[in-house]
Amino acid sequence: MKRLSFFILFYSLVPYFLFSQTGTIKIVKPLPPKKDTVVTPRKKAINFTTSISSNYTFKGNNKFGYDAEASFLFHNVLFIGLKYSNENQYYQLSPFNKETLKQEIAYSKSENKSDYLKIPIGFKYQILTGSQGRFLISIGLSPEYLLKTKNHYGRLNYSDFNQFNLAGTISLGIPIFRKNYSINVSYSKDFFENLKDKNMYDQNGAVLGKQKSKTNLLSLSLSYHIRYFRN
């Protein structure tokens, strides 16, 4: 009987010693359910730019042309535009007319007025400088189509020129007036010759050499930028 009483007392004290060693059991209250958060999709920005400019060719030319352009900038990197360009450029005229096979007056500088339709496409980068300043650098290509041309002496016609050409362009822009406007300096160079026949002839029609007819164009433009967002 004493042995039975001992076992009953021992087993009744075991939980006491166990809980006293391990500490009390804490009941963790359940956390309230998290509220659903609404994630607003980020809108995509598109920049629209219009610009007017004056251009100058590196052919000893003393007259300026003009440009008008509209372009879109996607994701602040890729741009594509449409450009109308009026250019003045000098070409040499031989003392022999290859079309009429007759002698003509030679001119070292014969002015041509040409109108082009261009599609500039490329990449635009933004470079930050001190005091929160920045520059815009554009690099790209410009396929171009000759709309019309007129020679001062009437010796060069539309059929004498290649109607299609391709130019490489590089531009540096400086934002002004709260960054809505920018002043840009651009340089472009044709990859191919403008004249189909680049030969220079003597009075008898013999080939003396060739003239360079690629256009190197420097432009100074004022641009206005509009930015809007879409989903």
C-alpha atoms as a PDB file:
ATOM      1  CA  MET A   1       0.000   0.000   0.000  1.00  0.00           C
ATOM      2  CA  LYS A   2       2.865   2.275   0.860  1.00  0.00           C
ATOM      3  CA  ARG A   3       4.508   1.374  -2.447  1.00  0.00           C
ATOM      4  CA  LEU A   4       1.329   2.213  -4.362  1.00  0.00           C
ATOM      5  CA  SER A   5       1.063   5.563  -2.588  1.00  0.00           C
ATOM      6  CA  PHE A   6       4.679   6.345  -3.491  1.00  0.00           C
ATOM      7  CA  PHE A   7       4.153   5.700  -7.219  1.00  0.00           C
ATOM      8  CA  ILE A   8       1.018   7.823  -7.253  1.00  0.00           C
ATOM      9  CA  LEU A   9       2.854  10.712  -5.568  1.00  0.00           C
ATOM     10  CA  PHE A  10       5.865  10.351  -7.919  1.00  0.00           C
ATOM     11  CA  TYR A  11       3.833  10.410 -11.124  1.00  0.00           C
ATOM     12  CA  SER A  12       1.773  13.332  -9.889  1.00  0.00           C
ATOM     13  CA  LEU A  13       4.937  15.404  -9.265  1.00  0.00           C
ATOM     14  CA  VAL A  14       6.606  14.615 -12.644  1.00  0.00           C
ATOM     15  CA  PRO A  15       4.593  17.222 -14.613  1.00  0.00           C
ATOM     16  CA  TYR A  16       5.407  19.817 -11.959  1.00  0.00           C
ATOM     17  CA  PHE A  17       9.146  19.256 -12.282  1.00  0.00           C
ATOM     18  CA  LEU A  18       8.972  19.157 -16.060  1.00  0.00           C
ATOM     19  CA  PHE A  19       7.084  22.442 -16.376  1.00  0.00           C
ATOM     20  CA  SER A  20       9.261  24.092 -13.754  1.00  0.00           C
ATOM     21  CA  GLN A  21      12.392  23.265 -15.783  1.00  0.00           C
ATOM     22  CA  THR A  22      11.147  24.205 -19.197  1.00  0.00           C
ATOM     23  CA  GLY A  23       9.144  27.268 -18.216  1.00  0.00           C
ATOM     24  CA  THR A  24       5.572  28.102 -18.897  1.00  0.00           C
ATOM     25  CA  ILE A  25       3.939  27.457 -22.231  1.00  0.00           C
ATOM     26  CA  LYS A  26       3.010  30.664 -23.991  1.00  0.00           C
ATOM     27  CA  ILE A  27       0.045  30.735 -26.277  1.00  0.00           C
ATOM     28  CA  VAL A  28       0.787  32.847 -29.376  1.00  0.00           C
ATOM     29  CA  LYS A  29      -2.125  34.824 -30.561  1.00  0.00           C
ATOM     30  CA  PRO A  30      -2.802  34.429 -34.310  1.00  0.00           C
ATOM     31  CA  LEU A  31      -1.749  37.406 -36.413  1.00  0.00           C
ATOM     32  CA  PRO A  32      -4.495  39.323 -38.161  1.00  0.00           C
ATOM     33  CA  PRO A  33      -4.733  38.524 -41.872  1.00  0.00           C
ATOM     34  CA  LYS A  34      -2.790  40.889 -44.124  1.00  0.00           C
ATOM     35  CA  LYS A  35      -4.764  43.218 -46.252  1.00  0.00           C
ATOM     36  CA  ASP A  36      -4.453  42.834 -50.003  1.00  0.00           C
ATOM     37  CA  THR A  37      -2.263  45.568 -51.503  1.00  0.00           C
ATOM     38  CA  VAL A  38      -3.079  47.018 -54.876  1.00  0.00           C
ATOM     39  CA  VAL A  39       0.000  47.371 -57.100  1.00  0.00           C
ATOM     40  CA  THR A  40      -0.356  50.245 -59.516  1.00  0.00           C
ATOM     41  CA  PRO A  41       1.235  49.327 -62.873  1.00  0.00           C
ATOM     42  CA  ARG A  42       4.017  51.654 -63.918  1.00  0.00           C
ATOM     43  CA  LYS A  43       3.073  53.820 -66.847  1.00  0.00           C
ATOM     44  CA  LYS A  44       5.305  53.944 -69.893  1.00  0.00           C
ATOM     45  CA  ALA A  45       6.644  57.326 -70.910  1.00  0.00           C
ATOM     46  CA  ILE A  46       6.837  58.500 -74.542  1.00  0.00           C
ATOM     47  CA  ASN A  47       8.583  61.704 -75.518  1.00  0.00           C
ATOM     48  CA  PHE A  48       7.480  63.648 -78.577  1.00  0.00           C
ATOM     49  CA  THR A  49       9.897  66.218 -79.981  1.00  0.00           C
ATOM     50  CA  THR A  50       9.560  68.887 -82.638  1.00  0.00           C
ATOM     51  CA  SER A  51      12.503  70.911 -83.855  1.00  0.00           C
ATOM     52  CA  ILE A  52      13.534  73.517 -86.407  1.00  0.00           C
ATOM     53  CA  SER A  53      17.115  74.037 -87.432  1.00  0.00           C
ATOM     54  CA  SER A  54      19.567  75.642 -89.792  1.00  0.00           C
ATOM     55  CA  ASN A  55      22.150  73.532 -91.621  1.00  0.00           C
ATOM     56  CA  TYR A  56      25.470  74.147 -93.339  1.00  0.00           C
ATOM     57  CA  THR A  57      27.439  71.925 -95.734  1.00  0.00           C
ATOM     58  CA  PHE A  58      31.232  71.601 -95.638  1.00  0.00           C
ATOM     59  CA  LYS A  59      31.775  72.345 -99.327  1.00  0.00           C
ATOM     60  CA  GLY A  60      32.875  75.966 -99.144  1.00  0.00           C
ATOM     61  CA  ASN A  61      29.210  76.845 -99.266  1.00  0.00           C
ATOM     62  CA  ASN A  62      28.158  80.346 -98.203  1.00  0.00           C
ATOM     63  CA  LYS A  63      24.445  79.678 -97.787  1.00  0.00           C
ATOM     64  CA  PHE A  64      22.446  77.990 -95.050  1.00  0.00           C
ATOM     65  CA  GLY A  65      19.592  75.539 -95.407  1.00  0.00           C
ATOM     66  CA  TYR A  66      16.883  74.585 -92.952  1.00  0.00           C
ATOM     67  CA  ASP A  67      15.295  71.504 -91.377  1.00  0.00           C
ATOM     68  CA  ALA A  68      11.976  70.626 -89.728  1.00  0.00           C
ATOM     69  CA  GLU A  69      11.667  67.408 -87.722  1.00  0.00           C
ATOM     70  CA  ALA A  70       9.220  65.498 -85.525  1.00  0.00           C
ATOM     71  CA  SER A  71      10.292  62.409 -83.573  1.00  0.00           C
ATOM     72  CA  PHE A  72       9.247  59.968 -80.851  1.00  0.00           C
ATOM     73  CA  LEU A  73      11.491  58.725 -78.028  1.00  0.00           C
ATOM     74  CA  PHE A  74      10.583  55.299 -76.588  1.00  0.00           C
ATOM     75  CA  HIS A  75      11.750  54.123 -73.138  1.00  0.00           C
ATOM     76  CA  ASN A  76      14.050  57.177 -72.999  1.00  0.00           C
ATOM     77  CA  VAL A  77      16.472  55.412 -75.359  1.00  0.00           C
ATOM     78  CA  LEU A  78      15.164  54.588 -78.853  1.00  0.00           C
ATOM     79  CA  PHE A  79      14.013  57.374 -81.168  1.00  0.00           C
ATOM     80  CA  ILE A  80      12.514  57.507 -84.654  1.00  0.00           C
ATOM     81  CA  GLY A  81      11.445  60.573 -86.579  1.00  0.00           C
ATOM     82  CA  LEU A  82      10.469  62.207 -89.832  1.00  0.00           C
ATOM     83  CA  LYS A  83      12.528  65.091 -91.172  1.00  0.00           C
ATOM     84  CA  TYR A  84      12.294  67.538 -94.055  1.00  0.00           C
ATOM     85  CA  SER A  85      15.647  69.017 -95.041  1.00  0.00           C
ATOM     86  CA  ASN A  86      16.525  71.799 -97.467  1.00  0.00           C
ATOM     87  CA  GLU A  87      20.246  71.785 -98.286  1.00  0.00           C
ATOM     88  CA  ASN A  88      22.629  73.879-100.355  1.00  0.00           C
ATOM     89  CA  GLN A  89      25.765  72.299-101.750  1.00  0.00           C
ATOM     90  CA  TYR A  90      28.402  73.105-104.338  1.00  0.00           C
ATOM     91  CA  TYR A  91      29.490  70.734-107.113  1.00  0.00           C
ATOM     92  CA  GLN A  92      32.070  71.099-109.864  1.00  0.00           C
ATOM     93  CA  LEU A  93      31.007  71.336-113.494  1.00  0.00           C
ATOM     94  CA  SER A  94      33.344  70.130-116.251  1.00  0.00           C
ATOM     95  CA  PRO A  95      34.054  72.042-119.491  1.00  0.00           C
ATOM     96  CA  PHE A  96      32.390  69.126-121.274  1.00  0.00           C
ATOM     97  CA  ASN A  97      28.746  68.097-121.019  1.00  0.00           C
ATOM     98  CA  LYS A  98      28.501  64.323-121.023  1.00  0.00           C
ATOM     99  CA  GLU A  99      24.782  64.369-121.932  1.00  0.00           C
ATOM    100  CA  THR A 100      24.944  66.686-124.923  1.00  0.00           C
ATOM    101  CA  LEU A 101      28.536  65.707-125.814  1.00  0.00           C
ATOM    102  CA  LYS A 102      29.359  69.392-126.226  1.00  0.00           C
ATOM    103  CA  GLN A 103      31.767  71.799-124.608  1.00  0.00           C
ATOM    104  CA  GLU A 104      30.397  73.875-121.756  1.00  0.00           C
ATOM    105  CA  ILE A 105      31.641  76.543-119.372  1.00  0.00           C
ATOM    106  CA  ALA A 106      33.499  75.015-116.425  1.00  0.00           C
ATOM    107  CA  TYR A 107      32.519  76.008-112.890  1.00  0.00           C
ATOM    108  CA  SER A 108      34.442  75.136-109.757  1.00  0.00           C
ATOM    109  CA  LYS A 109      31.410  75.965-107.602  1.00  0.00           C
ATOM    110  CA  SER A 110      27.950  75.281-108.945  1.00  0.00           C
ATOM    111  CA  GLU A 111      25.259  75.597-106.296  1.00  0.00           C
ATOM    112  CA  ASN A 112      22.568  72.969-105.931  1.00  0.00           C
ATOM    113  CA  LYS A 113      19.435  73.414-103.812  1.00  0.00           C
ATOM    114  CA  SER A 114      18.057  70.031-102.770  1.00  0.00           C
ATOM    115  CA  ASP A 115      15.074  68.928-100.675  1.00  0.00           C
ATOM    116  CA  TYR A 116      15.243  65.631 -98.784  1.00  0.00           C
ATOM    117  CA  LEU A 117      12.833  63.514 -96.779  1.00  0.00           C
ATOM    118  CA  LYS A 118      14.678  61.696 -94.001  1.00  0.00           C
ATOM    119  CA  ILE A 119      13.800  59.097 -91.349  1.00  0.00           C
ATOM    120  CA  PRO A 120      16.246  59.498 -88.443  1.00  0.00           C
ATOM    121  CA  ILE A 121      16.445  56.470 -86.151  1.00  0.00           C
ATOM    122  CA  GLY A 122      18.863  55.649 -83.353  1.00  0.00           C
ATOM    123  CA  PHE A 123      19.634  55.851 -79.663  1.00  0.00           C
ATOM    124  CA  LYS A 124      19.601  58.789 -77.287  1.00  0.00           C
ATOM    125  CA  TYR A 125      21.568  58.879 -74.059  1.00  0.00           C
ATOM    126  CA  GLN A 126      21.443  61.236 -71.099  1.00  0.00           C
ATOM    127  CA  ILE A 127      24.711  62.196 -69.397  1.00  0.00           C
ATOM    128  CA  LEU A 128      24.490  63.846 -65.988  1.00  0.00           C
ATOM    129  CA  THR A 129      26.987  66.542 -65.021  1.00  0.00           C
ATOM    130  CA  GLY A 130      27.585  68.605 -61.916  1.00  0.00           C
ATOM    131  CA  SER A 131      24.926  70.825 -60.338  1.00  0.00           C
ATOM    132  CA  GLN A 132      22.146  68.598 -61.761  1.00  0.00           C
ATOM    133  CA  GLY A 133      23.069  69.509 -65.325  1.00  0.00           C
ATOM    134  CA  ARG A 134      22.856  67.066 -68.179  1.00  0.00           C
ATOM    135  CA  PHE A 135      23.620  66.567 -71.849  1.00  0.00           C
ATOM    136  CA  LEU A 136      21.699  64.583 -74.442  1.00  0.00           C
ATOM    137  CA  ILE A 137      23.754  62.551 -76.916  1.00  0.00           C
ATOM    138  CA  SER A 138      22.117  60.952 -79.953  1.00  0.00           C
ATOM    139  CA  ILE A 139      23.721  58.434 -82.312  1.00  0.00           C
ATOM    140  CA  GLY A 140      21.925  56.918 -85.278  1.00  0.00           C
ATOM    141  CA  LEU A 141      21.278  56.502 -88.964  1.00  0.00           C
ATOM    142  CA  SER A 142      19.203  58.569 -91.349  1.00  0.00           C
ATOM    143  CA  PRO A 143      17.847  57.008 -94.553  1.00  0.00           C
ATOM    144  CA  GLU A 144      17.060  59.835 -96.987  1.00  0.00           C
ATOM    145  CA  TYR A 145      15.151  60.304-100.202  1.00  0.00           C
ATOM    146  CA  LEU A 146      15.773  63.144-102.664  1.00  0.00           C
ATOM    147  CA  LEU A 147      12.508  64.973-103.355  1.00  0.00           C
ATOM    148  CA  LYS A 148      13.811  67.578-105.792  1.00  0.00           C
ATOM    149  CA  THR A 149      16.942  69.471-106.727  1.00  0.00           C
ATOM    150  CA  LYS A 150      17.788  72.571-108.738  1.00  0.00           C
ATOM    151  CA  ASN A 151      21.155  73.624-110.131  1.00  0.00           C
ATOM    152  CA  HIS A 152      22.082  77.300-110.392  1.00  0.00           C
ATOM    153  CA  TYR A 153      23.297  76.876-113.978  1.00  0.00           C
ATOM    154  CA  GLY A 154      20.762  74.229-114.981  1.00  0.00           C
ATOM    155  CA  ARG A 155      23.500  71.683-115.697  1.00  0.00           C
ATOM    156  CA  LEU A 156      22.622  69.118-113.051  1.00  0.00           C
ATOM    157  CA  ASN A 157      19.152  67.563-113.075  1.00  0.00           C
ATOM    158  CA  TYR A 158      17.228  65.251-110.769  1.00  0.00           C
ATOM    159  CA  SER A 159      18.239  62.251-112.908  1.00  0.00           C
ATOM    160  CA  ASP A 160      21.938  63.028-112.285  1.00  0.00           C
ATOM    161  CA  PHE A 161      21.587  62.212-108.575  1.00  0.00           C
ATOM    162  CA  ASN A 162      21.041  59.043-106.596  1.00  0.00           C
ATOM    163  CA  GLN A 163      17.554  59.327-105.152  1.00  0.00           C
ATOM    164  CA  PHE A 164      18.369  57.253-102.040  1.00  0.00           C
ATOM    165  CA  ASN A 165      21.214  57.659 -99.572  1.00  0.00           C
ATOM    166  CA  LEU A 166      22.109  56.822 -95.980  1.00  0.00           C
ATOM    167  CA  ALA A 167      23.819  59.068 -93.450  1.00  0.00           C
ATOM    168  CA  GLY A 168      25.347  58.518 -90.041  1.00  0.00           C
ATOM    169  CA  THR A 169      24.443  61.146 -87.442  1.00  0.00           C
ATOM    170  CA  ILE A 170      25.634  62.280 -84.027  1.00  0.00           C
ATOM    171  CA  SER A 171      24.062  65.043 -81.950  1.00  0.00           C
ATOM    172  CA  LEU A 172      24.729  66.861 -78.675  1.00  0.00           C
ATOM    173  CA  GLY A 173      21.827  68.604 -76.904  1.00  0.00           C
ATOM    174  CA  ILE A 174      21.678  70.971 -73.930  1.00  0.00           C
ATOM    175  CA  PRO A 175      18.273  71.257 -72.145  1.00  0.00           C
ATOM    176  CA  ILE A 176      17.049  74.784 -71.396  1.00  0.00           C
ATOM    177  CA  PHE A 177      13.873  76.427 -70.016  1.00  0.00           C
ATOM    178  CA  ARG A 178      12.875  73.764 -67.446  1.00  0.00           C
ATOM    179  CA  LYS A 179      14.040  70.967 -69.741  1.00  0.00           C
ATOM    180  CA  ASN A 180      11.134  71.458 -72.174  1.00  0.00           C
ATOM    181  CA  TYR A 181      13.491  72.919 -74.752  1.00  0.00           C
ATOM    182  CA  SER A 182      16.964  72.008 -75.893  1.00  0.00           C
ATOM    183  CA  ILE A 183      19.620  73.410 -78.186  1.00  0.00           C
ATOM    184  CA  ASN A 184      21.235  70.740 -80.350  1.00  0.00           C
ATOM    185  CA  VAL A 185      24.346  70.616 -82.503  1.00  0.00           C
ATOM    186  CA  SER A 186      24.310  67.753 -85.017  1.00  0.00           C
ATOM    187  CA  TYR A 187      26.722  66.377 -87.586  1.00  0.00           C
ATOM    188  CA  SER A 188      25.856  63.931 -90.356  1.00  0.00           C
ATOM    189  CA  LYS A 189      27.834  62.361 -93.182  1.00  0.00           C
ATOM    190  CA  ASP A 190      26.546  60.457 -96.199  1.00  0.00           C
ATOM    191  CA  PHE A 191      27.762  56.895 -96.715  1.00  0.00           C
ATOM    192  CA  PHE A 192      27.296  57.028-100.492  1.00  0.00           C
ATOM    193  CA  GLU A 193      27.936  59.571-103.243  1.00  0.00           C
ATOM    194  CA  ASN A 194      25.095  61.838-104.320  1.00  0.00           C
ATOM    195  CA  LEU A 195      26.108  62.116-107.983  1.00  0.00           C
ATOM    196  CA  LYS A 196      25.720  59.102-110.248  1.00  0.00           C
ATOM    197  CA  ASP A 197      28.580  60.300-112.458  1.00  0.00           C
ATOM    198  CA  LYS A 198      31.417  61.659-110.316  1.00  0.00           C
ATOM    199  CA  ASN A 199      33.902  62.012-113.192  1.00  0.00           C
ATOM    200  CA  MET A 200      35.471  65.301-114.192  1.00  0.00           C
ATOM    201  CA  TYR A 201      36.081  65.725-117.941  1.00  0.00           C
ATOM    202  CA  ASP A 202      38.324  67.918-120.034  1.00  0.00           C
ATOM    203  CA  GLN A 203      37.113  69.812-123.129  1.00  0.00           C
ATOM    204  CA  ASN A 204      37.402  66.678-125.262  1.00  0.00           C
ATOM    205  CA  GLY A 205      35.488  64.434-122.849  1.00  0.00           C
ATOM    206  CA  ALA A 206      38.507  62.631-121.391  1.00  0.00           C
ATOM    207  CA  VAL A 207      38.282  61.759-117.705  1.00  0.00           C
ATOM    208  CA  LEU A 208      40.513  63.943-115.553  1.00  0.00           C
ATOM    209  CA  GLY A 209      39.520  62.650-112.128  1.00  0.00           C
ATOM    210  CA  LYS A 210      36.629  62.356-109.727  1.00  0.00           C
ATOM    211  CA  GLN A 211      34.915  64.737-107.366  1.00  0.00           C
ATOM    212  CA  LYS A 212      33.540  63.923-103.940  1.00  0.00           C
ATOM    213  CA  SER A 213      29.789  64.339-103.739  1.00  0.00           C
ATOM    214  CA  LYS A 214      28.997  63.055-100.242  1.00  0.00           C
ATOM    215  CA  THR A 215      27.286  65.573 -97.974  1.00  0.00           C
ATOM    216  CA  ASN A 216      28.828  66.575 -94.656  1.00  0.00           C
ATOM    217  CA  LEU A 217      26.108  68.498 -92.851  1.00  0.00           C
ATOM    218  CA  LEU A 218      26.294  70.560 -89.657  1.00  0.00           C
ATOM    219  CA  SER A 219      22.977  71.579 -88.067  1.00  0.00           C
ATOM    220  CA  LEU A 220      21.995  73.854 -85.193  1.00  0.00           C
ATOM    221  CA  SER A 221      18.458  73.259 -83.930  1.00  0.00           C
ATOM    222  CA  LEU A 222      15.977  74.326 -81.270  1.00  0.00           C
ATOM    223  CA  SER A 223      13.777  71.488 -80.012  1.00  0.00           C
ATOM    224  CA  TYR A 224      10.607  71.367 -77.930  1.00  0.00           C
ATOM    225  CA  HIS A 225       9.913  68.215 -75.904  1.00  0.00           C
ATOM    226  CA  ILE A 226       6.511  66.903 -74.827  1.00  0.00           C
ATOM    227  CA  ARG A 227       6.287  63.925 -72.449  1.00  0.00           C
ATOM    228  CA  TYR A 228       3.186  61.864 -71.838  1.00  0.00           C
ATOM    229  CA  PHE A 229       2.420  58.519 -70.229  1.00  0.00           C
ATOM    230  CA  ARG A 230       0.418  55.473 -71.271  1.00  0.00           C
ATOM    231  CA  ASN A 231      -0.378  52.137 -69.624  1.00  0.00           C
END
